[in-house]
Amino acid sequence: MKVSLIDYGAGNLRSVANALRAIGVEPDITAGPGIPEGTTHLVLPGVGSFGDCMDELSKRGLIEPIRQWVLDGRPYLGICLGYQILFEWSEETPGVAGLGVLPGGVKRFIDQPGLKVPHMGWNSVIPRRAEAGNWRDLGPAPYFYYVHSYFPVPADDSIIAAETEYGADRFAAAVERPNLLACQYHPEKSQEAGLRLIRNFLGV
C-alpha cells in the first residue's frame, strides 16, 4: 500500500498525516505535478475556499490527474474540500468549476435565527448502511467533527452514504462509490471514530 496525501498549500495536511501514522500508515506527501508512481490510495484533505483549492490544484498540475484517478475508480478519500470539489460548482465561488466527477453542487447553509454558521463542532452522522463497509464498527449514529459553511447536494441520491441534520438542513455528510469515500466532516479530528473510518476505507 502507498497512500499519497495531496498537499495543495492550504489543506489540513499535518492532522491528516498524523491520523494516518496513528493507524500505522506512513503517507507519501505530494504537491504534484501528477500523482506519484505506485500510489494505491489517494487522500485529499481540505480547508479554505472552493475557488482557492481549485486554483492551487491547477497551478500544481493536479486537476486532471485527480479527476482521472476518480473516474478510473481508484481508491480516493476526500475530506471537507476534498469532498466538495468532486462536484460541478459551489455557491462559495460562483463561476469556478469543480472536478465534476459527481453530478451536483455545493450550497451554503440556510440563514436561520439562532443557527451559527459555520457549523462547527461535533454532530451525529447517520449512515444509510450502518455497520457495513466503511461504517463497520461505528454504530448507528457515530459522532464526527465539523467545520464548514457549505455542503454538497448530490444530484444522484444513491451515492449518499450518510446524512447529518443542522437546523433546517439535512445534508449529505458523506458519499460513496466503489473505492470512493468523501465526507464533509473531519475524520482526522474525530478521535476513535475518525480513525476507525480511515482504517475501514484503507482496509488496515
N, C-alpha and C. Protein backbone atom coordinates (compact mmCIF):
# COMPACT_ATOMS: atom_id res chain seq x y z
N MET A 1 0.84 -1.20 0.00
CA MET A 1 0.00 0.00 0.00
C MET A 1 0.88 1.25 0.00
N LYS A 2 0.52 2.20 -0.87
CA LYS A 2 1.17 3.50 -0.88
C LYS A 2 0.09 4.57 -0.89
N VAL A 3 -0.04 5.29 0.22
CA VAL A 3 -1.07 6.32 0.37
C VAL A 3 -0.45 7.67 0.07
N SER A 4 -0.92 8.31 -1.00
CA SER A 4 -0.41 9.63 -1.36
C SER A 4 -1.38 10.69 -0.84
N LEU A 5 -0.83 11.65 -0.09
CA LEU A 5 -1.60 12.71 0.53
C LEU A 5 -1.31 14.01 -0.22
N ILE A 6 -2.35 14.59 -0.82
CA ILE A 6 -2.18 15.77 -1.66
C ILE A 6 -1.95 17.02 -0.82
N ASP A 7 -0.86 17.71 -1.10
CA ASP A 7 -0.55 18.99 -0.47
C ASP A 7 -0.80 20.09 -1.51
N TYR A 8 -1.88 20.87 -1.32
CA TYR A 8 -2.13 21.96 -2.26
C TYR A 8 -1.90 23.32 -1.59
N GLY A 9 -1.20 23.31 -0.47
CA GLY A 9 -0.77 24.55 0.16
C GLY A 9 -1.71 25.10 1.20
N ALA A 10 -2.92 24.53 1.33
CA ALA A 10 -3.87 25.07 2.30
C ALA A 10 -4.64 23.98 3.02
N GLY A 11 -4.32 22.73 2.76
CA GLY A 11 -5.08 21.64 3.36
C GLY A 11 -4.70 21.41 4.81
N ASN A 12 -5.52 20.63 5.49
CA ASN A 12 -5.27 20.28 6.88
C ASN A 12 -4.28 19.11 6.91
N LEU A 13 -3.11 19.38 6.33
CA LEU A 13 -2.19 18.30 5.99
C LEU A 13 -1.62 17.59 7.21
N ARG A 14 -1.15 18.36 8.17
CA ARG A 14 -0.46 17.75 9.31
C ARG A 14 -1.38 16.84 10.10
N SER A 15 -2.62 17.29 10.35
CA SER A 15 -3.55 16.47 11.13
C SER A 15 -3.90 15.18 10.41
N VAL A 16 -4.08 15.25 9.09
CA VAL A 16 -4.40 14.05 8.33
C VAL A 16 -3.20 13.10 8.30
N ALA A 17 -2.02 13.66 8.09
CA ALA A 17 -0.81 12.82 8.10
C ALA A 17 -0.64 12.13 9.44
N ASN A 18 -0.88 12.86 10.53
CA ASN A 18 -0.74 12.26 11.87
C ASN A 18 -1.78 11.18 12.11
N ALA A 19 -2.99 11.38 11.59
CA ALA A 19 -4.03 10.35 11.74
C ALA A 19 -3.63 9.08 11.00
N LEU A 20 -3.07 9.24 9.81
CA LEU A 20 -2.61 8.07 9.06
C LEU A 20 -1.49 7.35 9.80
N ARG A 21 -0.57 8.12 10.35
CA ARG A 21 0.52 7.50 11.10
C ARG A 21 0.00 6.78 12.34
N ALA A 22 -1.07 7.32 12.95
CA ALA A 22 -1.64 6.70 14.15
C ALA A 22 -2.20 5.32 13.87
N ILE A 23 -2.57 5.05 12.62
CA ILE A 23 -3.07 3.71 12.28
C ILE A 23 -2.01 2.88 11.55
N GLY A 24 -0.76 3.37 11.59
CA GLY A 24 0.35 2.58 11.06
C GLY A 24 0.63 2.78 9.59
N VAL A 25 0.14 3.88 9.01
CA VAL A 25 0.36 4.14 7.59
C VAL A 25 1.18 5.42 7.44
N GLU A 26 2.33 5.33 6.83
CA GLU A 26 3.17 6.50 6.59
C GLU A 26 2.81 7.07 5.20
N PRO A 27 2.22 8.27 5.16
CA PRO A 27 1.79 8.81 3.87
C PRO A 27 2.95 9.36 3.06
N ASP A 28 2.77 9.32 1.75
CA ASP A 28 3.68 9.99 0.84
C ASP A 28 3.04 11.34 0.51
N ILE A 29 3.64 12.42 0.99
CA ILE A 29 3.06 13.75 0.79
C ILE A 29 3.55 14.32 -0.54
N THR A 30 2.60 14.70 -1.40
CA THR A 30 2.96 15.16 -2.73
C THR A 30 2.24 16.45 -3.07
N ALA A 31 2.95 17.35 -3.75
CA ALA A 31 2.37 18.61 -4.20
C ALA A 31 2.29 18.65 -5.73
N GLY A 32 2.43 17.48 -6.37
CA GLY A 32 2.35 17.41 -7.81
C GLY A 32 3.67 17.82 -8.45
N PRO A 33 3.71 17.92 -9.77
CA PRO A 33 2.59 17.65 -10.67
C PRO A 33 2.33 16.15 -10.81
N GLY A 34 1.08 15.82 -11.03
CA GLY A 34 0.70 14.42 -11.17
C GLY A 34 0.66 13.68 -9.86
N ILE A 35 0.32 12.42 -9.96
CA ILE A 35 0.20 11.54 -8.79
C ILE A 35 1.39 10.58 -8.80
N PRO A 36 2.08 10.43 -7.66
CA PRO A 36 3.29 9.61 -7.64
C PRO A 36 3.07 8.19 -8.13
N GLU A 37 4.05 7.69 -8.84
CA GLU A 37 4.01 6.32 -9.33
C GLU A 37 3.91 5.35 -8.14
N GLY A 38 3.11 4.34 -8.28
CA GLY A 38 2.96 3.34 -7.25
C GLY A 38 1.89 3.64 -6.23
N THR A 39 1.23 4.81 -6.34
CA THR A 39 0.16 5.16 -5.41
C THR A 39 -0.98 4.16 -5.51
N THR A 40 -1.44 3.68 -4.35
CA THR A 40 -2.60 2.78 -4.33
C THR A 40 -3.84 3.49 -3.81
N HIS A 41 -3.66 4.49 -2.92
CA HIS A 41 -4.77 5.23 -2.34
C HIS A 41 -4.42 6.72 -2.35
N LEU A 42 -5.39 7.53 -2.75
CA LEU A 42 -5.19 8.97 -2.82
C LEU A 42 -6.07 9.64 -1.77
N VAL A 43 -5.48 10.54 -0.98
CA VAL A 43 -6.21 11.26 0.06
C VAL A 43 -6.07 12.76 -0.21
N LEU A 44 -7.21 13.45 -0.28
CA LEU A 44 -7.21 14.90 -0.47
C LEU A 44 -7.92 15.56 0.70
N PRO A 45 -7.16 16.17 1.62
CA PRO A 45 -7.76 16.89 2.73
C PRO A 45 -8.16 18.28 2.26
N GLY A 46 -8.76 19.07 3.12
CA GLY A 46 -9.10 20.40 2.66
C GLY A 46 -9.61 21.34 3.72
N VAL A 47 -9.04 22.54 3.72
CA VAL A 47 -9.61 23.68 4.42
C VAL A 47 -9.41 24.87 3.50
N GLY A 48 -10.21 25.92 3.69
CA GLY A 48 -10.11 27.07 2.82
C GLY A 48 -11.32 27.17 1.91
N SER A 49 -11.15 27.86 0.80
CA SER A 49 -12.29 28.08 -0.10
C SER A 49 -12.23 27.18 -1.33
N PHE A 50 -13.39 26.92 -1.89
CA PHE A 50 -13.53 26.10 -3.09
C PHE A 50 -12.68 26.65 -4.22
N GLY A 51 -12.80 27.96 -4.48
CA GLY A 51 -12.08 28.56 -5.59
C GLY A 51 -10.58 28.51 -5.41
N ASP A 52 -10.11 28.82 -4.19
CA ASP A 52 -8.67 28.78 -3.93
C ASP A 52 -8.12 27.37 -4.09
N CYS A 53 -8.88 26.38 -3.65
CA CYS A 53 -8.45 24.99 -3.77
C CYS A 53 -8.28 24.61 -5.25
N MET A 54 -9.28 24.92 -6.06
CA MET A 54 -9.20 24.57 -7.48
C MET A 54 -8.05 25.33 -8.15
N ASP A 55 -7.82 26.56 -7.76
CA ASP A 55 -6.73 27.34 -8.33
C ASP A 55 -5.37 26.73 -7.99
N GLU A 56 -5.20 26.32 -6.74
CA GLU A 56 -3.92 25.73 -6.34
C GLU A 56 -3.70 24.37 -7.00
N LEU A 57 -4.75 23.58 -7.12
CA LEU A 57 -4.61 22.29 -7.79
C LEU A 57 -4.23 22.49 -9.25
N SER A 58 -4.80 23.52 -9.88
CA SER A 58 -4.47 23.82 -11.27
C SER A 58 -3.00 24.22 -11.40
N LYS A 59 -2.53 25.09 -10.52
CA LYS A 59 -1.14 25.54 -10.56
C LYS A 59 -0.16 24.38 -10.39
N ARG A 60 -0.57 23.37 -9.65
CA ARG A 60 0.31 22.24 -9.35
C ARG A 60 0.15 21.07 -10.32
N GLY A 61 -0.66 21.27 -11.37
CA GLY A 61 -0.84 20.21 -12.36
C GLY A 61 -1.54 18.99 -11.83
N LEU A 62 -2.53 19.21 -10.95
CA LEU A 62 -3.18 18.08 -10.27
C LEU A 62 -4.64 17.88 -10.66
N ILE A 63 -5.26 18.84 -11.33
CA ILE A 63 -6.70 18.71 -11.60
C ILE A 63 -7.00 17.49 -12.46
N GLU A 64 -6.37 17.39 -13.60
CA GLU A 64 -6.67 16.26 -14.49
C GLU A 64 -6.23 14.92 -13.91
N PRO A 65 -5.05 14.83 -13.27
CA PRO A 65 -4.68 13.55 -12.66
C PRO A 65 -5.66 13.10 -11.59
N ILE A 66 -6.15 14.03 -10.74
CA ILE A 66 -7.11 13.64 -9.70
C ILE A 66 -8.43 13.24 -10.34
N ARG A 67 -8.89 14.04 -11.30
CA ARG A 67 -10.15 13.72 -11.97
C ARG A 67 -10.08 12.32 -12.61
N GLN A 68 -9.00 12.04 -13.31
CA GLN A 68 -8.89 10.74 -13.99
C GLN A 68 -8.78 9.61 -12.98
N TRP A 69 -8.09 9.86 -11.86
CA TRP A 69 -7.96 8.85 -10.81
C TRP A 69 -9.35 8.43 -10.31
N VAL A 70 -10.19 9.43 -10.03
CA VAL A 70 -11.54 9.13 -9.52
C VAL A 70 -12.38 8.47 -10.59
N LEU A 71 -12.32 8.98 -11.83
CA LEU A 71 -13.11 8.40 -12.92
C LEU A 71 -12.70 6.95 -13.19
N ASP A 72 -11.43 6.63 -12.95
CA ASP A 72 -10.97 5.26 -13.16
C ASP A 72 -11.38 4.33 -12.03
N GLY A 73 -12.01 4.88 -10.98
CA GLY A 73 -12.47 4.05 -9.87
C GLY A 73 -11.37 3.60 -8.95
N ARG A 74 -10.30 4.38 -8.86
CA ARG A 74 -9.21 4.02 -7.96
C ARG A 74 -9.47 4.61 -6.57
N PRO A 75 -8.91 4.03 -5.51
CA PRO A 75 -9.26 4.43 -4.14
C PRO A 75 -8.97 5.90 -3.84
N TYR A 76 -10.00 6.61 -3.42
CA TYR A 76 -9.91 8.04 -3.15
C TYR A 76 -10.67 8.37 -1.88
N LEU A 77 -10.01 9.09 -0.96
CA LEU A 77 -10.64 9.59 0.26
C LEU A 77 -10.58 11.11 0.20
N GLY A 78 -11.75 11.75 0.15
CA GLY A 78 -11.83 13.21 0.12
C GLY A 78 -12.41 13.73 1.43
N ILE A 79 -11.75 14.73 2.01
CA ILE A 79 -12.16 15.29 3.30
C ILE A 79 -12.48 16.77 3.12
N CYS A 80 -13.66 17.19 3.57
CA CYS A 80 -14.09 18.58 3.53
C CYS A 80 -14.01 19.12 2.10
N LEU A 81 -13.07 20.01 1.77
CA LEU A 81 -12.97 20.50 0.40
C LEU A 81 -12.60 19.38 -0.56
N GLY A 82 -11.90 18.37 -0.09
CA GLY A 82 -11.60 17.21 -0.92
C GLY A 82 -12.86 16.44 -1.31
N TYR A 83 -13.93 16.68 -0.59
CA TYR A 83 -15.27 16.17 -0.90
C TYR A 83 -15.98 17.14 -1.83
N GLN A 84 -16.00 18.41 -1.48
CA GLN A 84 -16.76 19.40 -2.23
C GLN A 84 -16.31 19.55 -3.68
N ILE A 85 -15.00 19.51 -3.91
CA ILE A 85 -14.52 19.75 -5.27
C ILE A 85 -14.82 18.61 -6.24
N LEU A 86 -15.32 17.48 -5.73
CA LEU A 86 -15.74 16.41 -6.63
C LEU A 86 -16.95 16.82 -7.47
N PHE A 87 -17.67 17.83 -7.01
CA PHE A 87 -18.91 18.24 -7.68
C PHE A 87 -18.65 19.31 -8.73
N GLU A 88 -19.73 19.78 -9.36
CA GLU A 88 -19.59 20.64 -10.53
C GLU A 88 -19.40 22.12 -10.20
N TRP A 89 -19.96 22.58 -9.09
CA TRP A 89 -19.93 24.01 -8.78
C TRP A 89 -20.15 24.22 -7.28
N SER A 90 -19.90 25.45 -6.84
CA SER A 90 -20.15 25.80 -5.45
C SER A 90 -20.65 27.24 -5.36
N GLU A 91 -21.63 27.45 -4.48
CA GLU A 91 -22.10 28.80 -4.22
C GLU A 91 -21.01 29.66 -3.58
N GLU A 92 -20.00 29.03 -3.01
CA GLU A 92 -18.93 29.79 -2.37
C GLU A 92 -18.12 30.59 -3.40
N THR A 93 -17.93 30.01 -4.58
CA THR A 93 -17.13 30.68 -5.62
C THR A 93 -17.84 30.53 -6.96
N PRO A 94 -18.86 31.33 -7.22
CA PRO A 94 -19.61 31.23 -8.48
C PRO A 94 -18.69 31.39 -9.69
N GLY A 95 -18.92 30.56 -10.68
CA GLY A 95 -18.14 30.63 -11.91
C GLY A 95 -16.90 29.76 -11.92
N VAL A 96 -16.54 29.19 -10.79
CA VAL A 96 -15.38 28.29 -10.71
C VAL A 96 -15.88 26.85 -10.76
N ALA A 97 -15.40 26.10 -11.73
CA ALA A 97 -15.83 24.70 -11.88
C ALA A 97 -15.05 23.79 -10.95
N GLY A 98 -15.76 22.81 -10.39
CA GLY A 98 -15.10 21.77 -9.63
C GLY A 98 -14.60 20.68 -10.56
N LEU A 99 -14.21 19.55 -10.01
CA LEU A 99 -13.75 18.43 -10.83
C LEU A 99 -14.86 17.85 -11.69
N GLY A 100 -16.09 17.95 -11.20
CA GLY A 100 -17.23 17.49 -11.98
C GLY A 100 -17.34 15.99 -12.16
N VAL A 101 -16.72 15.22 -11.27
CA VAL A 101 -16.81 13.77 -11.39
C VAL A 101 -18.08 13.23 -10.73
N LEU A 102 -18.73 14.07 -9.91
CA LEU A 102 -20.01 13.72 -9.33
C LEU A 102 -21.00 14.82 -9.71
N PRO A 103 -22.21 14.47 -10.15
CA PRO A 103 -23.19 15.49 -10.53
C PRO A 103 -23.77 16.18 -9.29
N GLY A 104 -23.94 17.49 -9.40
CA GLY A 104 -24.49 18.25 -8.29
C GLY A 104 -23.60 19.42 -7.95
N GLY A 105 -23.95 20.13 -6.89
CA GLY A 105 -23.20 21.31 -6.49
C GLY A 105 -23.10 21.44 -5.00
N VAL A 106 -22.54 22.55 -4.56
CA VAL A 106 -22.27 22.81 -3.15
C VAL A 106 -23.01 24.08 -2.74
N LYS A 107 -23.82 23.98 -1.68
CA LYS A 107 -24.64 25.10 -1.25
C LYS A 107 -24.27 25.56 0.16
N ARG A 108 -24.67 26.79 0.47
CA ARG A 108 -24.44 27.35 1.80
C ARG A 108 -25.64 27.02 2.69
N PHE A 109 -25.39 26.93 4.00
CA PHE A 109 -26.49 26.72 4.93
C PHE A 109 -27.52 27.84 4.82
N ILE A 110 -28.76 27.49 4.99
CA ILE A 110 -29.85 28.46 5.01
C ILE A 110 -29.71 29.33 6.27
N ASP A 111 -29.82 30.65 6.11
CA ASP A 111 -29.78 31.54 7.28
C ASP A 111 -31.02 31.30 8.13
N GLN A 112 -30.80 31.01 9.40
CA GLN A 112 -31.90 30.73 10.33
C GLN A 112 -31.61 31.43 11.66
N PRO A 113 -32.63 31.97 12.31
CA PRO A 113 -32.43 32.62 13.62
C PRO A 113 -31.80 31.65 14.62
N GLY A 114 -30.71 32.09 15.24
CA GLY A 114 -30.07 31.28 16.27
C GLY A 114 -29.13 30.21 15.76
N LEU A 115 -29.05 30.04 14.45
CA LEU A 115 -28.18 29.00 13.89
C LEU A 115 -26.83 29.60 13.52
N LYS A 116 -25.78 29.05 14.07
CA LYS A 116 -24.45 29.57 13.81
C LYS A 116 -23.87 28.98 12.52
N VAL A 117 -23.34 29.85 11.69
CA VAL A 117 -22.62 29.44 10.50
C VAL A 117 -21.26 30.13 10.55
N PRO A 118 -20.15 29.39 10.51
CA PRO A 118 -20.07 27.98 10.13
C PRO A 118 -20.60 26.99 11.19
N HIS A 119 -20.99 25.85 10.68
CA HIS A 119 -21.35 24.70 11.51
C HIS A 119 -20.03 24.16 12.06
N MET A 120 -19.84 24.28 13.36
CA MET A 120 -18.56 23.92 13.97
C MET A 120 -18.79 23.09 15.23
N GLY A 121 -18.16 21.94 15.28
CA GLY A 121 -18.25 21.08 16.45
C GLY A 121 -18.70 19.68 16.11
N TRP A 122 -19.07 18.94 17.14
CA TRP A 122 -19.45 17.54 16.98
C TRP A 122 -20.92 17.41 16.60
N ASN A 123 -21.19 16.47 15.71
CA ASN A 123 -22.57 16.19 15.33
C ASN A 123 -22.68 14.72 14.93
N SER A 124 -23.86 14.17 15.13
CA SER A 124 -24.06 12.77 14.77
C SER A 124 -24.18 12.63 13.25
N VAL A 125 -23.75 11.50 12.78
CA VAL A 125 -23.81 11.15 11.36
C VAL A 125 -24.60 9.85 11.26
N ILE A 126 -25.59 9.84 10.39
CA ILE A 126 -26.46 8.66 10.26
C ILE A 126 -26.12 7.92 8.97
N PRO A 127 -25.38 6.82 9.06
CA PRO A 127 -25.06 6.06 7.85
C PRO A 127 -26.30 5.36 7.30
N ARG A 128 -26.39 5.27 6.01
CA ARG A 128 -27.50 4.53 5.39
C ARG A 128 -27.30 3.03 5.49
N ARG A 129 -26.04 2.62 5.61
CA ARG A 129 -25.75 1.18 5.75
C ARG A 129 -24.85 1.01 6.97
N ALA A 130 -25.42 1.23 8.14
CA ALA A 130 -24.65 1.13 9.37
C ALA A 130 -24.03 -0.25 9.52
N GLU A 131 -22.82 -0.26 10.03
CA GLU A 131 -22.08 -1.49 10.32
C GLU A 131 -21.67 -2.26 9.07
N ALA A 132 -21.70 -1.61 7.91
CA ALA A 132 -21.28 -2.26 6.67
C ALA A 132 -20.18 -1.44 6.00
N GLY A 133 -19.24 -2.12 5.39
CA GLY A 133 -18.21 -1.44 4.61
C GLY A 133 -17.43 -0.41 5.42
N ASN A 134 -17.41 0.82 4.92
CA ASN A 134 -16.67 1.89 5.60
C ASN A 134 -17.22 2.20 6.99
N TRP A 135 -18.45 1.76 7.27
CA TRP A 135 -19.12 2.11 8.53
C TRP A 135 -19.05 0.99 9.57
N ARG A 136 -18.27 -0.02 9.27
CA ARG A 136 -18.13 -1.16 10.19
C ARG A 136 -17.57 -0.70 11.53
N ASP A 137 -18.17 -1.20 12.61
CA ASP A 137 -17.73 -0.93 13.98
C ASP A 137 -17.90 0.52 14.41
N LEU A 138 -18.77 1.26 13.74
CA LEU A 138 -19.01 2.66 14.09
C LEU A 138 -20.37 2.89 14.73
N GLY A 139 -21.23 1.89 14.74
CA GLY A 139 -22.54 2.07 15.34
C GLY A 139 -23.52 2.79 14.43
N PRO A 140 -24.76 2.97 14.89
CA PRO A 140 -25.80 3.54 14.03
C PRO A 140 -25.75 5.06 13.89
N ALA A 141 -25.04 5.75 14.79
CA ALA A 141 -25.01 7.23 14.73
C ALA A 141 -23.70 7.76 15.32
N PRO A 142 -22.58 7.48 14.66
CA PRO A 142 -21.30 7.96 15.19
C PRO A 142 -21.20 9.48 15.15
N TYR A 143 -20.41 10.04 16.04
CA TYR A 143 -20.18 11.49 16.08
C TYR A 143 -18.86 11.83 15.40
N PHE A 144 -18.91 12.86 14.56
CA PHE A 144 -17.72 13.35 13.88
C PHE A 144 -17.65 14.87 14.04
N TYR A 145 -16.45 15.40 13.78
CA TYR A 145 -16.21 16.82 13.99
C TYR A 145 -16.32 17.60 12.68
N TYR A 146 -17.08 18.71 12.73
CA TYR A 146 -17.34 19.54 11.55
C TYR A 146 -16.78 20.94 11.71
N VAL A 147 -16.35 21.53 10.59
CA VAL A 147 -16.06 22.96 10.49
C VAL A 147 -16.37 23.35 9.04
N HIS A 148 -17.58 23.90 8.79
CA HIS A 148 -17.92 24.23 7.40
C HIS A 148 -19.15 25.13 7.34
N SER A 149 -19.24 25.88 6.25
CA SER A 149 -20.39 26.72 5.96
C SER A 149 -21.15 26.24 4.73
N TYR A 150 -20.53 25.34 3.98
CA TYR A 150 -21.10 24.85 2.72
C TYR A 150 -21.15 23.32 2.74
N PHE A 151 -22.06 22.75 1.96
CA PHE A 151 -22.18 21.29 1.92
C PHE A 151 -22.66 20.85 0.53
N PRO A 152 -22.18 19.71 0.05
CA PRO A 152 -22.61 19.22 -1.26
C PRO A 152 -24.07 18.77 -1.27
N VAL A 153 -24.68 18.95 -2.44
CA VAL A 153 -26.02 18.45 -2.70
C VAL A 153 -25.93 17.57 -3.95
N PRO A 154 -25.71 16.26 -3.76
CA PRO A 154 -25.55 15.37 -4.92
C PRO A 154 -26.84 15.30 -5.73
N ALA A 155 -26.70 15.31 -7.06
CA ALA A 155 -27.85 15.13 -7.93
C ALA A 155 -28.30 13.67 -7.93
N ASP A 156 -27.38 12.77 -7.64
CA ASP A 156 -27.67 11.34 -7.59
C ASP A 156 -27.80 10.92 -6.12
N ASP A 157 -29.03 10.77 -5.66
CA ASP A 157 -29.27 10.43 -4.25
C ASP A 157 -28.65 9.10 -3.86
N SER A 158 -28.45 8.21 -4.82
CA SER A 158 -27.98 6.86 -4.50
C SER A 158 -26.55 6.84 -3.98
N ILE A 159 -25.77 7.90 -4.23
CA ILE A 159 -24.38 7.89 -3.76
C ILE A 159 -24.25 8.39 -2.33
N ILE A 160 -25.34 8.93 -1.76
CA ILE A 160 -25.27 9.44 -0.39
C ILE A 160 -25.10 8.27 0.57
N ALA A 161 -24.04 8.33 1.37
CA ALA A 161 -23.74 7.25 2.30
C ALA A 161 -24.18 7.54 3.72
N ALA A 162 -24.24 8.84 4.07
CA ALA A 162 -24.61 9.22 5.43
C ALA A 162 -25.11 10.65 5.41
N GLU A 163 -25.95 10.98 6.41
CA GLU A 163 -26.54 12.31 6.48
C GLU A 163 -26.40 12.89 7.89
N THR A 164 -26.45 14.22 7.95
CA THR A 164 -26.41 14.94 9.22
C THR A 164 -27.43 16.06 9.17
N GLU A 165 -28.06 16.33 10.31
CA GLU A 165 -29.00 17.44 10.41
C GLU A 165 -28.35 18.61 11.13
N TYR A 166 -28.57 19.80 10.56
CA TYR A 166 -28.12 21.03 11.22
C TYR A 166 -29.17 22.10 10.93
N GLY A 167 -29.89 22.49 11.97
CA GLY A 167 -31.01 23.40 11.77
C GLY A 167 -32.05 22.77 10.85
N ALA A 168 -32.49 23.53 9.85
CA ALA A 168 -33.48 23.02 8.91
C ALA A 168 -32.86 22.20 7.78
N ASP A 169 -31.55 22.13 7.76
CA ASP A 169 -30.86 21.41 6.68
C ASP A 169 -30.55 19.98 7.10
N ARG A 170 -30.84 19.06 6.22
CA ARG A 170 -30.38 17.68 6.34
C ARG A 170 -29.50 17.43 5.12
N PHE A 171 -28.22 17.27 5.34
CA PHE A 171 -27.31 17.28 4.21
C PHE A 171 -26.51 15.97 4.11
N ALA A 172 -25.92 15.79 2.94
CA ALA A 172 -25.13 14.60 2.67
C ALA A 172 -23.79 14.72 3.37
N ALA A 173 -23.66 14.06 4.51
CA ALA A 173 -22.42 14.10 5.28
C ALA A 173 -21.29 13.36 4.58
N ALA A 174 -21.67 12.35 3.79
CA ALA A 174 -20.66 11.55 3.08
C ALA A 174 -21.30 10.90 1.86
N VAL A 175 -20.46 10.65 0.87
CA VAL A 175 -20.89 9.90 -0.31
C VAL A 175 -19.94 8.74 -0.52
N GLU A 176 -20.45 7.73 -1.21
CA GLU A 176 -19.64 6.56 -1.54
C GLU A 176 -19.93 6.10 -2.95
N ARG A 177 -18.89 5.62 -3.59
CA ARG A 177 -18.97 4.79 -4.78
C ARG A 177 -17.90 3.74 -4.61
N PRO A 178 -17.87 2.70 -5.44
CA PRO A 178 -16.79 1.73 -5.28
C PRO A 178 -15.42 2.41 -5.25
N ASN A 179 -14.67 2.17 -4.19
CA ASN A 179 -13.33 2.71 -3.98
C ASN A 179 -13.31 4.21 -3.71
N LEU A 180 -14.46 4.83 -3.48
CA LEU A 180 -14.50 6.26 -3.18
C LEU A 180 -15.27 6.49 -1.89
N LEU A 181 -14.68 7.28 -1.01
CA LEU A 181 -15.35 7.77 0.18
C LEU A 181 -15.00 9.24 0.32
N ALA A 182 -16.00 10.10 0.43
CA ALA A 182 -15.75 11.52 0.62
C ALA A 182 -16.72 12.03 1.68
N CYS A 183 -16.21 12.86 2.59
CA CYS A 183 -17.01 13.27 3.73
C CYS A 183 -16.81 14.76 4.04
N GLN A 184 -17.87 15.38 4.54
CA GLN A 184 -17.81 16.79 4.90
C GLN A 184 -17.13 17.01 6.25
N TYR A 185 -17.29 16.09 7.17
CA TYR A 185 -16.66 16.19 8.48
C TYR A 185 -15.17 15.85 8.38
N HIS A 186 -14.48 16.02 9.49
CA HIS A 186 -13.04 15.79 9.54
C HIS A 186 -12.73 14.53 10.34
N PRO A 187 -12.55 13.39 9.70
CA PRO A 187 -12.22 12.18 10.47
C PRO A 187 -10.92 12.31 11.24
N GLU A 188 -9.97 13.09 10.70
CA GLU A 188 -8.68 13.23 11.37
C GLU A 188 -8.79 14.00 12.67
N LYS A 189 -9.91 14.70 12.90
CA LYS A 189 -10.15 15.43 14.14
C LYS A 189 -11.22 14.75 14.99
N SER A 190 -11.63 13.55 14.59
CA SER A 190 -12.79 12.91 15.21
C SER A 190 -12.42 11.71 16.09
N GLN A 191 -11.21 11.71 16.60
CA GLN A 191 -10.77 10.72 17.58
C GLN A 191 -10.99 9.30 17.07
N GLU A 192 -11.46 8.40 17.93
CA GLU A 192 -11.51 6.98 17.57
C GLU A 192 -12.44 6.70 16.40
N ALA A 193 -13.57 7.40 16.33
CA ALA A 193 -14.49 7.18 15.21
C ALA A 193 -13.82 7.53 13.89
N GLY A 194 -13.09 8.63 13.88
CA GLY A 194 -12.42 9.04 12.66
C GLY A 194 -11.34 8.07 12.24
N LEU A 195 -10.55 7.60 13.20
CA LEU A 195 -9.50 6.64 12.88
C LEU A 195 -10.10 5.33 12.39
N ARG A 196 -11.22 4.91 12.97
CA ARG A 196 -11.87 3.68 12.53
C ARG A 196 -12.36 3.82 11.09
N LEU A 197 -12.93 4.98 10.76
CA LEU A 197 -13.41 5.20 9.40
C LEU A 197 -12.26 5.12 8.40
N ILE A 198 -11.13 5.75 8.73
CA ILE A 198 -9.98 5.72 7.84
C ILE A 198 -9.45 4.29 7.70
N ARG A 199 -9.37 3.58 8.83
CA ARG A 199 -8.94 2.18 8.79
C ARG A 199 -9.85 1.35 7.87
N ASN A 200 -11.15 1.55 8.01
CA ASN A 200 -12.09 0.78 7.21
C ASN A 200 -11.88 1.06 5.73
N PHE A 201 -11.69 2.34 5.39
CA PHE A 201 -11.50 2.69 3.99
C PHE A 201 -10.22 2.08 3.42
N LEU A 202 -9.13 2.16 4.20
CA LEU A 202 -7.86 1.64 3.72
C LEU A 202 -7.75 0.13 3.84
N GLY A 203 -8.59 -0.47 4.68
CA GLY A 203 -8.52 -1.91 4.88
C GLY A 203 -7.34 -2.32 5.72
N VAL A 204 -7.04 -1.50 6.76
CA VAL A 204 -5.89 -1.84 7.63
C VAL A 204 -6.35 -2.03 9.06
